[in-house]
Amino acid sequence: MSSTTTPRNVAIPYSSKSLKLSSFSIPSNESARAASQRFVAAHPTYLQTSAIDDLRRREFTRLDKSGVYLDYTGAGLYPESLIREHTDLLLGNVFGNPHSASPSSVLSSKYAHAARLAVLNFFDADPSEYEVVFTNNASTALRIVAEAYPYSKGADSKLILPTDAHNSVNGMREFALKAGAQVTYVPMEAPGKQTFLAPEDGAESLYVLTGQSNLSGLKGNLSLLAEAKSRGYNTLLDAAALAPTTAISLRSLNGSVDAMAISLYKLIGYPTGIGCLVAKKEFLTKLQKPWFSGGSVLVVQAPNMGRLLLDGHERWEDGTVNFLSLIAVPRGLQILHNHLPTLAQRLPLLMHFTLSSLASLKHSNGKPVVDLHSPSGPDEYSPSTHGAVISMSFLKPSGERFLPHDIENAASRANIHVRAGCLCNPGASTTLTGMTEMLNNFDMKRIDAEGNQDTPASVSESYASNEEMEWFIRDGGVVRMGFGLASAISDAAAFVEFSRTFVDVAEATKDGKTVGAPKLQKIADADIFREELPSLKKRNSVMFTKLRGIRRRVSQIF
């Protein structure tokens, strides 16, 4: 099957061809601001997205004094009117625990129901087919499926996971392994070329797809969901990073998605503490809940052991839902829905300007200032396969790599909001930076001297037995920036101008003092680090002393 098929659920009115992107670069004597003006003149389509600028002036005035926000993958930004309207509703009404028939409870139930309908409408999901289960976040939604999925005992059940996945997806394997299922990872290098082996004897098996990577920005090939279904798998889509900038129609996916996980704050910034499992009603009846709580049962015998679980979303929403926050959901989703078509025009232009500009930055010796990991350059970018996310490393004139957190700290001092590290995605982080072998060679001692698993002693033992792990945890990974609902070309220009300050810079500095860093000619060459570790420990004794102190404090906490 083709790996380039774009399912109808992805609202991309502009392909890489129809965008008509012109070749672009920044001369060393031109400011990024001037370059951005020249870019807009060469790409007048940008002016057609002025509705985003109007939204920014109306709803995000705080950005004028809060710096340059480029961490939309970490969290969306809330519109100011959403907070005002939510506050007015709270101040003007009395809302009670919805598990009652009192007026305050009925009012809360009314708004909770409206929130469910708003979620179904936003994702174009048939209410007769799909159910909305409110959770704390996308991670909790994933856990519901992971913990309750009925892997066939004594059969050939399978769990297929993407290598390019958030740790909340990786964590699903613990329940599968405990149930005796086979866990398989799809290599990041060929996400659209996998073949599905049908589960033997109809064994219950689950296929999980990352809709859009939180680190690489790569979009999953959603047509693989239908392929997996045809082979007998249930399907789960992690849409936490995809949904904020891409219109998703579950109806148009023709039943290929059994369940989907999202977080509301990723979409529109507010409210936090609200996630969703949007799942087929038929799929939910297959799951086997391992416990019950208040709000999820109809009758409980005590001291006898009988219980009757409720059906639908009530079975899976433990305790009381966050009914006060749910009030804000419909309005927030409506604001985002109204601007998704315009975002589909603007974000590819911002990506092209940023990628082209960063790729043109060179040290005096001709070596690049920025190593673009994903996308690897403007020619490799397409909005159909890649979200508005860029992961990168900054390089010294020698070709050595600045530590990601040094760049993050420098950006923070410049009032630019980016993120650095492995970003809870070790698969993509190590694949893109060539550190997979180092990570996989760590000796993870999960059993302590008494035979117990994952205790403070066993964690400390694993940490102490791998000297490279100290470096990996502290200084591995990438620098990530990304665009979202309120992004403008001025944000992109500011980041390019910041990046330019590293031209011909040999060391990251803080208050004029050199920051010690392990010397890596290329992060892909892990052997260099291994060979130089003894001397590095001497030159960076303060850093390693701090790390040992951190390890001791972790042990004390546990």
Protein backbone atom coordinates (compact mmCIF):
# COMPACT_ATOMS: atom_id res chain seq x y z
CA MET A 1 0.00 0.00 0.00
CA SER A 2 1.14 3.53 -0.60
CA SER A 3 2.71 5.42 2.28
CA THR A 4 1.74 8.77 0.74
CA THR A 5 -2.03 8.42 0.86
CA THR A 6 -3.64 11.39 2.61
CA PRO A 7 -6.94 10.33 4.21
CA ARG A 8 -9.86 12.71 3.92
CA ASN A 9 -9.72 13.52 7.59
CA VAL A 10 -6.66 15.73 7.19
CA ALA A 11 -7.76 19.21 6.16
CA ILE A 12 -4.87 20.35 3.98
CA PRO A 13 -6.15 22.65 1.23
CA TYR A 14 -2.60 23.46 0.19
CA SER A 15 -0.25 20.70 -0.93
CA SER A 16 3.47 21.33 -1.21
CA LYS A 17 2.89 22.08 -4.91
CA SER A 18 -0.11 24.38 -4.53
CA LEU A 19 1.74 26.35 -1.86
CA LYS A 20 4.09 27.60 -4.60
CA LEU A 21 6.94 28.06 -2.15
CA SER A 22 9.85 30.05 -3.53
CA SER A 23 13.46 29.20 -2.79
CA PHE A 24 14.51 31.40 0.11
CA SER A 25 17.62 32.21 2.15
CA ILE A 26 18.92 35.02 4.35
CA PRO A 27 22.13 36.82 3.45
CA SER A 28 24.46 37.35 6.39
CA ASN A 29 23.97 41.12 6.23
CA GLU A 30 20.15 41.01 6.28
CA SER A 31 18.14 41.06 9.49
CA ALA A 32 15.59 38.32 10.06
CA ARG A 33 12.86 40.96 10.28
CA ALA A 34 13.76 42.36 6.88
CA ALA A 35 13.96 38.83 5.53
CA SER A 36 10.48 38.06 6.84
CA GLN A 37 9.10 41.11 5.04
CA ARG A 38 10.78 39.98 1.85
CA PHE A 39 9.35 36.49 2.35
CA VAL A 40 5.81 37.80 2.73
CA ALA A 41 6.21 39.88 -0.42
CA ALA A 42 7.26 36.73 -2.29
CA HIS A 43 4.42 34.71 -0.74
CA PRO A 44 1.30 36.92 -0.79
CA THR A 45 -0.79 33.96 0.39
CA TYR A 46 0.44 34.85 3.87
CA LEU A 47 -1.60 38.06 3.75
CA GLN A 48 -4.72 35.94 3.25
CA THR A 49 -4.22 34.57 6.77
CA SER A 50 -4.64 37.96 8.46
CA ALA A 51 -7.54 36.53 10.49
CA ILE A 52 -4.88 34.94 12.72
CA ASP A 53 -3.30 38.36 13.29
CA ASP A 54 -6.72 39.77 14.17
CA LEU A 55 -7.24 36.90 16.60
CA ARG A 56 -3.83 37.52 18.13
CA ARG A 57 -4.53 41.22 18.70
CA ARG A 58 -7.95 40.42 20.15
CA GLU A 59 -7.29 37.28 22.21
CA PHE A 60 -3.56 37.07 22.91
CA THR A 61 -2.48 40.57 23.89
CA ARG A 62 -0.33 39.09 26.66
CA LEU A 63 2.08 37.81 24.02
CA ASP A 64 3.25 41.39 23.50
CA LYS A 65 4.92 41.33 26.91
CA SER A 66 5.53 37.59 27.37
CA GLY A 67 8.11 37.06 24.65
CA VAL A 68 8.07 34.72 21.68
CA TYR A 69 6.02 31.59 22.34
CA LEU A 70 7.15 28.59 20.27
CA ASP A 71 6.09 25.71 22.53
CA TYR A 72 2.61 25.02 21.17
CA THR A 73 3.36 21.30 21.12
CA GLY A 74 3.91 21.51 24.87
CA ALA A 75 0.72 23.46 25.51
CA GLY A 76 -1.70 25.54 23.48
CA LEU A 77 -2.45 29.11 24.49
CA TYR A 78 -5.89 30.04 25.77
CA PRO A 79 -7.87 32.91 24.20
CA GLU A 80 -8.59 35.65 26.70
CA SER A 81 -12.32 35.74 25.94
CA LEU A 82 -12.53 32.04 26.84
CA ILE A 83 -11.33 32.81 30.36
CA ARG A 84 -13.66 35.79 30.73
CA GLU A 85 -16.72 33.89 29.52
CA HIS A 86 -15.91 30.91 31.73
CA THR A 87 -15.42 33.16 34.75
CA ASP A 88 -18.71 34.94 34.08
CA LEU A 89 -20.54 31.60 33.98
CA LEU A 90 -18.98 30.50 37.25
CA LEU A 91 -19.77 33.79 38.96
CA GLY A 92 -23.34 33.90 37.68
CA ASN A 93 -24.45 30.34 38.47
CA VAL A 94 -24.35 27.64 41.11
CA PHE A 95 -22.89 24.36 39.86
CA GLY A 96 -23.05 21.18 41.91
CA ASN A 97 -21.83 17.60 41.73
CA PRO A 98 -23.67 16.21 38.69
CA HIS A 99 -24.61 12.90 40.37
CA SER A 100 -27.92 14.27 41.68
CA ALA A 101 -31.27 15.75 40.68
CA SER A 102 -30.79 19.09 42.43
CA PRO A 103 -30.93 22.24 40.28
CA SER A 104 -27.17 22.83 40.65
CA SER A 105 -26.43 19.21 39.73
CA VAL A 106 -28.77 19.30 36.74
CA LEU A 107 -27.05 22.46 35.51
CA SER A 108 -23.63 20.80 35.77
CA SER A 109 -24.92 17.75 33.93
CA LYS A 110 -26.31 19.98 31.20
CA TYR A 111 -22.94 21.61 30.57
CA ALA A 112 -21.10 18.28 30.77
CA HIS A 113 -23.44 16.89 28.11
CA ALA A 114 -22.84 19.97 25.97
CA ALA A 115 -19.09 19.39 26.30
CA ARG A 116 -19.45 15.80 25.08
CA LEU A 117 -21.45 16.91 22.08
CA ALA A 118 -18.89 19.63 21.34
CA VAL A 119 -16.07 17.07 21.30
CA LEU A 120 -18.02 14.75 19.00
CA ASN A 121 -18.85 17.66 16.70
CA PHE A 122 -15.26 18.93 16.64
CA PHE A 123 -14.01 15.53 15.47
CA ASP A 124 -17.00 14.91 13.21
CA ALA A 125 -17.86 11.72 15.10
CA ASP A 126 -21.27 10.07 14.76
CA PRO A 127 -22.93 10.27 18.22
CA SER A 128 -24.66 6.95 17.56
CA GLU A 129 -21.29 5.29 17.03
CA TYR A 130 -18.84 7.12 19.32
CA GLU A 131 -18.76 7.89 23.02
CA VAL A 132 -16.74 10.59 24.82
CA VAL A 133 -15.05 9.56 28.07
CA PHE A 134 -13.61 12.52 29.96
CA THR A 135 -10.24 11.90 31.60
CA ASN A 136 -7.49 13.95 33.22
CA ASN A 137 -5.44 14.06 30.01
CA ALA A 138 -4.50 12.06 26.93
CA SER A 139 -2.21 9.85 29.02
CA THR A 140 -5.11 8.72 31.18
CA ALA A 141 -7.17 8.04 28.06
CA LEU A 142 -4.37 5.82 26.73
CA ARG A 143 -4.12 4.04 30.07
CA ILE A 144 -7.83 3.17 30.07
CA VAL A 145 -7.32 1.20 26.86
CA ALA A 146 -3.96 -0.24 27.90
CA GLU A 147 -5.21 -1.49 31.24
CA ALA A 148 -8.57 -2.82 30.09
CA TYR A 149 -7.76 -4.27 26.67
CA PRO A 150 -8.66 -8.00 26.68
CA TYR A 151 -5.48 -9.60 25.36
CA SER A 152 -6.22 -13.27 24.73
CA LYS A 153 -4.66 -15.50 27.35
CA GLY A 154 -2.58 -18.30 25.93
CA ALA A 155 -3.03 -16.96 22.40
CA ASP A 156 -0.95 -14.90 20.00
CA SER A 157 -2.16 -11.46 21.00
CA LYS A 158 -0.14 -8.55 19.65
CA LEU A 159 0.46 -4.91 20.51
CA ILE A 160 2.04 -2.84 17.73
CA LEU A 161 3.54 0.49 18.77
CA PRO A 162 5.30 3.25 16.81
CA THR A 163 8.93 3.93 17.69
CA ASP A 164 8.18 7.64 17.29
CA ALA A 165 5.79 7.83 20.24
CA HIS A 166 5.25 9.61 23.52
CA ASN A 167 6.13 7.69 26.66
CA SER A 168 2.44 7.49 27.52
CA VAL A 169 2.12 5.28 24.44
CA ASN A 170 5.30 3.36 25.30
CA GLY A 171 3.90 2.69 28.74
CA MET A 172 0.99 0.75 27.27
CA ARG A 173 3.36 -2.16 26.68
CA GLU A 174 3.57 -2.90 30.43
CA PHE A 175 -0.02 -4.13 30.53
CA ALA A 176 0.41 -6.06 27.27
CA LEU A 177 3.56 -7.81 28.48
CA LYS A 178 1.90 -8.68 31.77
CA ALA A 179 -0.96 -10.25 29.80
CA GLY A 180 1.49 -12.30 27.72
CA ALA A 181 1.03 -10.37 24.47
CA GLN A 182 3.78 -9.84 21.90
CA VAL A 183 4.93 -6.22 21.72
CA THR A 184 6.37 -5.00 18.41
CA TYR A 185 7.74 -1.59 17.48
CA VAL A 186 7.42 -0.10 13.99
CA PRO A 187 10.78 1.45 12.98
CA MET A 188 10.73 5.20 12.59
CA GLU A 189 12.59 4.99 9.29
CA ALA A 190 9.69 3.36 7.47
CA PRO A 191 6.40 4.12 9.29
CA GLY A 192 4.30 3.67 6.17
CA LYS A 193 5.90 0.49 4.89
CA GLN A 194 5.00 -1.96 7.60
CA THR A 195 3.14 -5.17 6.96
CA PHE A 196 0.53 -6.52 9.32
CA LEU A 197 0.58 -10.14 10.30
CA ALA A 198 -2.96 -11.15 11.12
CA PRO A 199 -3.38 -12.25 14.75
CA GLU A 200 -3.39 -16.03 14.99
CA ASP A 201 -6.70 -17.70 15.79
CA GLY A 202 -8.44 -14.36 16.14
CA ALA A 203 -6.39 -13.34 19.18
CA GLU A 204 -7.29 -9.87 20.42
CA SER A 205 -4.62 -7.47 19.15
CA LEU A 206 -4.13 -3.71 19.24
CA TYR A 207 -2.46 -1.33 16.79
CA VAL A 208 -1.46 2.13 18.08
CA LEU A 209 -0.60 5.03 15.78
CA THR A 210 0.90 8.41 16.64
CA GLY A 211 -1.17 10.97 14.74
CA GLN A 212 1.66 13.49 14.88
CA SER A 213 4.92 13.14 16.74
CA ASN A 214 5.51 15.55 19.60
CA LEU A 215 9.23 15.52 18.75
CA SER A 216 9.82 14.89 15.06
CA GLY A 217 6.54 16.47 13.96
CA LEU A 218 6.00 13.61 11.52
CA LYS A 219 2.35 12.80 10.84
CA GLY A 220 1.27 9.19 10.99
CA ASN A 221 -0.12 7.64 7.83
CA LEU A 222 -3.76 7.36 8.90
CA SER A 223 -4.59 4.96 6.10
CA LEU A 224 -2.68 2.36 8.11
CA LEU A 225 -5.55 2.32 10.60
CA ALA A 226 -7.86 0.87 7.97
CA GLU A 227 -5.15 -1.62 6.98
CA ALA A 228 -4.79 -2.73 10.59
CA LYS A 229 -8.55 -3.09 10.96
CA SER A 230 -8.71 -5.26 7.85
CA ARG A 231 -6.13 -7.57 9.43
CA GLY A 232 -8.12 -8.06 12.61
CA TYR A 233 -6.60 -5.42 14.90
CA ASN A 234 -8.34 -2.91 17.08
CA THR A 235 -6.95 0.57 16.53
CA LEU A 236 -6.00 3.45 18.80
CA LEU A 237 -4.95 6.90 17.57
CA ASP A 238 -2.87 9.20 19.77
CA ALA A 239 -4.08 12.55 18.42
CA ALA A 240 -2.73 14.76 21.20
CA ALA A 241 -0.22 16.56 18.94
CA LEU A 242 -2.20 16.25 15.70
CA ALA A 243 -5.55 17.72 16.71
CA PRO A 244 -4.43 21.28 17.63
CA THR A 245 -3.57 22.17 14.03
CA THR A 246 -5.26 19.52 11.86
CA ALA A 247 -8.98 18.97 11.28
CA ILE A 248 -9.91 15.37 12.04
CA SER A 249 -13.10 13.74 10.80
CA LEU A 250 -13.72 10.35 12.37
CA ARG A 251 -16.72 9.97 10.10
CA SER A 252 -14.50 10.29 7.02
CA LEU A 253 -12.13 7.66 8.37
CA ASN A 254 -14.95 5.16 7.85
CA GLY A 255 -14.77 3.38 11.17
CA SER A 256 -11.02 2.72 11.10
CA VAL A 257 -10.48 4.42 14.48
CA ASP A 258 -11.72 2.39 17.45
CA ALA A 259 -10.43 4.89 19.98
CA MET A 260 -8.62 8.23 20.04
CA ALA A 261 -6.84 10.09 22.86
CA ILE A 262 -6.55 13.88 23.21
CA SER A 263 -5.86 16.59 25.80
CA LEU A 264 -7.90 19.80 25.76
CA TYR A 265 -5.06 22.06 26.87
CA LYS A 266 -3.02 20.88 23.89
CA LEU A 267 -5.80 22.06 21.61
CA ILE A 268 -6.78 25.42 23.01
CA GLY A 269 -4.72 25.95 26.19
CA TYR A 270 -7.64 25.75 28.60
CA PRO A 271 -8.89 24.04 30.62
CA THR A 272 -6.00 21.94 31.89
CA GLY A 273 -6.82 18.67 33.59
CA ILE A 274 -9.30 17.60 30.89
CA GLY A 275 -8.59 14.88 28.36
CA CYS A 276 -10.80 12.63 26.27
CA LEU A 277 -11.02 9.08 25.10
CA VAL A 278 -13.23 9.26 22.03
CA ALA A 279 -14.14 5.63 21.42
CA LYS A 280 -16.61 3.49 19.59
CA LYS A 281 -19.37 2.30 21.87
CA GLU A 282 -18.82 -1.21 20.55
CA PHE A 283 -15.12 -1.00 21.42
CA LEU A 284 -15.82 0.18 24.97
CA THR A 285 -18.00 -2.88 25.61
CA LYS A 286 -15.01 -5.07 24.73
CA LEU A 287 -12.75 -3.50 27.36
CA GLN A 288 -12.57 -5.16 30.77
CA LYS A 289 -12.33 -2.66 33.58
CA PRO A 290 -10.15 -4.08 36.39
CA TRP A 291 -11.82 -2.15 39.21
CA PHE A 292 -14.71 0.18 40.00
CA SER A 293 -15.22 3.43 41.85
CA GLY A 294 -17.89 5.92 42.78
CA GLY A 295 -19.79 7.07 39.74
CA SER A 296 -19.01 3.98 37.66
CA VAL A 297 -21.30 1.43 39.31
CA LEU A 298 -25.05 0.92 39.52
CA VAL A 299 -25.11 -1.44 42.52
CA VAL A 300 -22.35 -2.64 44.87
CA GLN A 301 -22.72 -5.39 47.48
CA ALA A 302 -20.83 -4.92 50.74
CA PRO A 303 -19.67 -7.03 52.49
CA ASN A 304 -20.65 -9.39 49.65
CA MET A 305 -18.58 -9.09 46.45
CA GLY A 306 -21.16 -8.43 43.74
CA ARG A 307 -21.32 -5.26 41.64
CA LEU A 308 -23.04 -4.00 38.51
CA LEU A 309 -21.07 -1.56 36.39
CA LEU A 310 -22.76 1.27 34.55
CA ASP A 311 -22.56 1.40 30.76
CA GLY A 312 -21.15 3.99 28.39
CA HIS A 313 -18.92 6.82 29.53
CA GLU A 314 -20.04 6.50 33.14
CA ARG A 315 -18.31 3.12 33.43
CA TRP A 316 -14.94 4.73 32.63
CA GLU A 317 -15.20 8.08 34.39
CA ASP A 318 -14.04 7.30 37.90
CA GLY A 319 -15.47 9.53 40.59
CA THR A 320 -16.74 12.99 39.69
CA VAL A 321 -15.73 14.55 36.39
CA ASN A 322 -14.15 18.00 36.38
CA PHE A 323 -17.56 19.56 35.86
CA LEU A 324 -16.51 23.16 36.43
CA SER A 325 -13.80 22.98 33.76
CA LEU A 326 -16.05 21.18 31.29
CA ILE A 327 -18.12 24.35 31.05
CA ALA A 328 -15.34 25.97 28.99
CA VAL A 329 -14.93 23.12 26.48
CA PRO A 330 -17.60 24.00 23.86
CA ARG A 331 -16.49 27.63 23.48
CA GLY A 332 -12.80 26.71 23.33
CA LEU A 333 -13.32 24.10 20.64
CA GLN A 334 -15.47 26.51 18.64
CA ILE A 335 -12.71 29.13 18.59
CA LEU A 336 -10.16 26.59 17.37
CA HIS A 337 -12.57 25.11 14.82
CA ASN A 338 -13.20 28.54 13.32
CA HIS A 339 -9.50 29.10 12.66
CA LEU A 340 -8.26 25.66 11.58
CA PRO A 341 -8.73 26.41 7.84
CA THR A 342 -6.64 29.56 8.14
CA LEU A 343 -3.98 27.73 10.15
CA ALA A 344 -3.74 25.21 7.32
CA GLN A 345 -2.62 28.11 5.11
CA ARG A 346 -0.36 29.97 7.54
CA LEU A 347 1.61 27.23 9.27
CA PRO A 348 3.24 25.78 6.12
CA LEU A 349 4.45 29.28 5.23
CA LEU A 350 5.92 29.80 8.69
CA MET A 351 7.62 26.43 8.46
CA HIS A 352 9.11 27.19 5.03
CA PHE A 353 10.44 30.58 6.15
CA THR A 354 11.96 29.14 9.33
CA LEU A 355 13.48 26.04 7.74
CA SER A 356 14.91 28.03 4.82
CA SER A 357 16.32 30.69 7.13
CA LEU A 358 17.89 28.26 9.59
CA ALA A 359 19.39 26.21 6.77
CA SER A 360 21.05 29.34 5.38
CA LEU A 361 22.86 30.20 8.64
CA LYS A 362 26.56 29.35 8.36
CA HIS A 363 29.67 29.86 10.41
CA SER A 364 32.54 31.76 8.79
CA ASN A 365 34.12 28.42 7.87
CA GLY A 366 30.99 27.43 5.94
CA LYS A 367 29.71 24.90 8.45
CA PRO A 368 26.02 25.02 9.48
CA VAL A 369 24.89 26.73 12.65
CA VAL A 370 21.83 24.51 12.97
CA ASP A 371 21.52 20.78 12.30
CA LEU A 372 17.89 20.29 11.26
CA HIS A 373 16.78 16.83 12.39
CA SER A 374 13.13 16.86 11.40
CA PRO A 375 12.30 18.11 8.89
CA SER A 376 15.87 17.94 7.64
CA GLY A 377 15.40 21.04 5.48
CA PRO A 378 12.87 23.09 3.50
CA ASP A 379 12.93 20.64 0.58
CA GLU A 380 12.00 17.76 2.89
CA TYR A 381 8.98 19.53 4.38
CA SER A 382 5.39 18.91 3.32
CA PRO A 383 2.33 19.86 5.39
CA SER A 384 0.71 16.55 4.46
CA THR A 385 3.43 14.55 6.22
CA HIS A 386 4.80 16.95 8.80
CA GLY A 387 3.24 19.20 11.42
CA ALA A 388 4.40 22.69 12.40
CA VAL A 389 7.24 21.35 14.55
CA ILE A 390 11.01 21.59 14.05
CA SER A 391 13.56 19.57 16.03
CA MET A 392 17.18 20.57 15.75
CA SER A 393 20.63 20.80 17.30
CA PHE A 394 22.88 23.86 17.38
CA LEU A 395 26.46 23.37 16.21
CA LYS A 396 29.75 25.10 16.98
CA PRO A 397 32.12 26.14 14.19
CA SER A 398 34.05 22.92 14.84
CA GLY A 399 30.93 20.88 14.14
CA GLU A 400 30.58 19.92 17.79
CA ARG A 401 27.11 20.06 19.24
CA PHE A 402 25.85 22.54 21.81
CA LEU A 403 23.95 20.81 24.58
CA PRO A 404 20.21 21.23 24.01
CA HIS A 405 19.55 22.63 27.47
CA ASP A 406 22.25 25.27 26.99
CA ILE A 407 20.30 26.48 23.96
CA GLU A 408 17.04 26.31 25.89
CA ASN A 409 18.54 28.40 28.69
CA ALA A 410 19.92 30.92 26.22
CA ALA A 411 16.51 31.16 24.56
CA SER A 412 14.86 31.70 27.93
CA ARG A 413 17.20 34.61 28.64
CA ALA A 414 16.11 36.03 25.29
CA ASN A 415 12.45 35.54 26.33
CA ILE A 416 11.90 32.87 23.69
CA HIS A 417 9.85 29.84 24.74
CA VAL A 418 11.21 26.57 23.31
CA ARG A 419 11.80 23.13 24.80
CA ALA A 420 14.82 20.83 24.91
CA GLY A 421 15.59 17.21 25.80
CA CYS A 422 14.15 13.89 24.70
CA LEU A 423 10.66 15.36 25.28
CA CYS A 424 9.19 12.08 26.58
CA ASN A 425 9.87 10.52 23.17
CA PRO A 426 13.04 8.42 23.42
CA GLY A 427 12.37 6.61 20.16
CA ALA A 428 12.37 9.70 17.97
CA SER A 429 15.01 11.50 20.02
CA THR A 430 17.59 8.73 19.77
CA THR A 431 16.74 7.86 16.17
CA LEU A 432 17.19 11.42 14.96
CA THR A 433 20.39 12.00 16.92
CA GLY A 434 21.98 8.60 16.43
CA MET A 435 21.85 7.61 20.10
CA THR A 436 19.65 4.53 19.83
CA GLU A 437 22.50 2.10 20.45
CA MET A 438 23.64 3.99 23.55
CA LEU A 439 20.11 3.98 24.98
CA ASN A 440 19.49 0.32 24.24
CA ASN A 441 22.83 -0.68 25.77
CA PHE A 442 21.93 0.73 29.18
CA ASP A 443 21.70 -2.03 31.77
CA MET A 444 18.26 -1.49 33.27
CA LYS A 445 18.41 -3.43 36.54
CA ARG A 446 14.78 -3.56 37.52
CA ILE A 447 15.17 -6.06 40.35
CA ASP A 448 16.75 -5.15 43.69
CA ALA A 449 18.67 -7.48 46.03
CA GLU A 450 15.42 -8.73 47.58
CA GLY A 451 13.94 -9.53 44.18
CA ASN A 452 11.60 -6.55 44.09
CA GLN A 453 10.90 -4.62 40.91
CA ASP A 454 11.14 -0.84 40.32
CA THR A 455 12.04 -0.02 43.91
CA PRO A 456 14.17 3.01 44.85
CA ALA A 457 17.09 0.62 45.30
CA SER A 458 16.72 -0.94 41.84
CA VAL A 459 16.29 2.48 40.19
CA SER A 460 19.37 3.82 41.97
CA GLU A 461 21.32 0.72 40.96
CA SER A 462 20.42 1.22 37.30
CA TYR A 463 21.36 4.88 37.46
CA ALA A 464 24.68 4.23 39.19
CA SER A 465 25.76 1.40 36.90
CA ASN A 466 25.53 3.47 33.70
CA GLU A 467 27.82 6.48 33.66
CA GLU A 468 26.59 7.47 30.22
CA MET A 469 23.02 7.53 31.52
CA GLU A 470 23.85 10.57 33.62
CA TRP A 471 24.82 12.45 30.47
CA PHE A 472 21.92 11.05 28.47
CA ILE A 473 19.29 12.16 30.99
CA ARG A 474 20.81 15.60 31.43
CA ASP A 475 22.07 16.51 27.99
CA GLY A 476 20.64 14.17 25.36
CA GLY A 477 17.86 15.08 22.99
CA VAL A 478 17.04 18.00 20.71
CA VAL A 479 15.83 21.57 20.71
CA ARG A 480 12.19 21.80 19.63
CA MET A 481 10.17 24.75 18.44
CA GLY A 482 6.69 24.78 17.01
CA PHE A 483 3.89 27.01 15.78
CA GLY A 484 0.22 27.12 16.70
CA LEU A 485 -2.99 29.10 16.83
CA ALA A 486 -1.52 32.56 17.52
CA SER A 487 1.78 32.25 15.62
CA ALA A 488 2.98 35.02 13.31
CA ILE A 489 5.98 35.44 11.06
CA SER A 490 7.43 37.86 13.62
CA ASP A 491 7.78 34.85 15.97
CA ALA A 492 9.68 32.92 13.33
CA ALA A 493 11.91 35.92 12.57
CA ALA A 494 12.71 36.34 16.27
CA PHE A 495 13.83 32.72 16.55
CA VAL A 496 15.96 33.02 13.41
CA GLU A 497 17.57 36.17 14.80
CA PHE A 498 18.24 34.35 18.07
CA SER A 499 19.78 31.44 16.17
CA ARG A 500 22.02 33.85 14.30
CA THR A 501 23.66 34.86 17.58
CA PHE A 502 25.38 31.47 17.56
CA VAL A 503 27.27 32.19 14.35
CA ASP A 504 31.00 31.68 15.08
CA VAL A 505 30.27 31.03 18.77
CA ALA A 506 32.47 28.28 20.15
CA GLU A 507 30.93 27.87 23.63
CA ALA A 508 27.59 28.47 25.26
CA THR A 509 28.01 31.11 27.93
CA LYS A 510 26.06 32.27 30.91
CA ASP A 511 26.97 35.59 32.51
CA GLY A 512 30.27 35.48 30.66
CA LYS A 513 31.27 32.11 32.08
CA THR A 514 31.84 29.06 29.92
CA VAL A 515 29.37 26.25 30.52
CA GLY A 516 31.17 22.91 30.66
CA ALA A 517 29.85 20.33 28.23
CA PRO A 518 30.81 16.84 27.08
CA LYS A 519 32.69 17.12 23.82
CA LEU A 520 30.91 15.30 21.02
CA GLN A 521 32.18 15.72 17.49
CA LYS A 522 28.78 14.48 16.37
CA ILE A 523 26.03 13.23 18.58
CA ALA A 524 25.64 10.29 16.19
CA ASP A 525 29.15 9.17 17.13
CA ALA A 526 28.52 7.90 20.64
CA ASP A 527 31.95 6.22 20.76
CA ILE A 528 33.62 9.63 21.05
CA PHE A 529 31.73 10.22 24.27
CA ARG A 530 32.69 6.83 25.63
CA GLU A 531 36.38 7.38 24.86
CA GLU A 532 36.47 10.82 26.44
CA LEU A 533 34.32 10.09 29.49
CA PRO A 534 37.21 9.87 32.02
CA SER A 535 38.68 13.25 30.99
CA LEU A 536 35.22 14.76 30.73
CA LYS A 537 34.51 13.79 34.32
CA LYS A 538 37.61 15.71 35.41
CA ARG A 539 36.82 18.80 33.34
CA ASN A 540 33.19 18.75 34.44
CA SER A 541 33.61 17.57 38.02
CA VAL A 542 31.15 20.16 39.28
CA MET A 543 28.47 18.97 36.88
CA PHE A 544 28.93 15.31 37.80
CA THR A 545 28.98 16.16 41.51
CA LYS A 546 25.62 17.86 41.06
CA LEU A 547 24.30 14.82 39.21
CA ARG A 548 25.38 12.50 41.99
CA GLY A 549 23.66 14.81 44.43
CA ILE A 550 20.49 14.66 42.37
CA ARG A 551 20.69 10.86 42.40
CA ARG A 552 21.04 10.84 46.18
CA ARG A 553 18.06 13.18 46.56
CA VAL A 554 15.96 10.96 44.29
CA SER A 555 16.81 7.96 46.50
CA GLN A 556 15.88 9.95 49.61
CA ILE A 557 12.56 11.00 48.13
CA PHE A 558 11.62 7.38 47.47
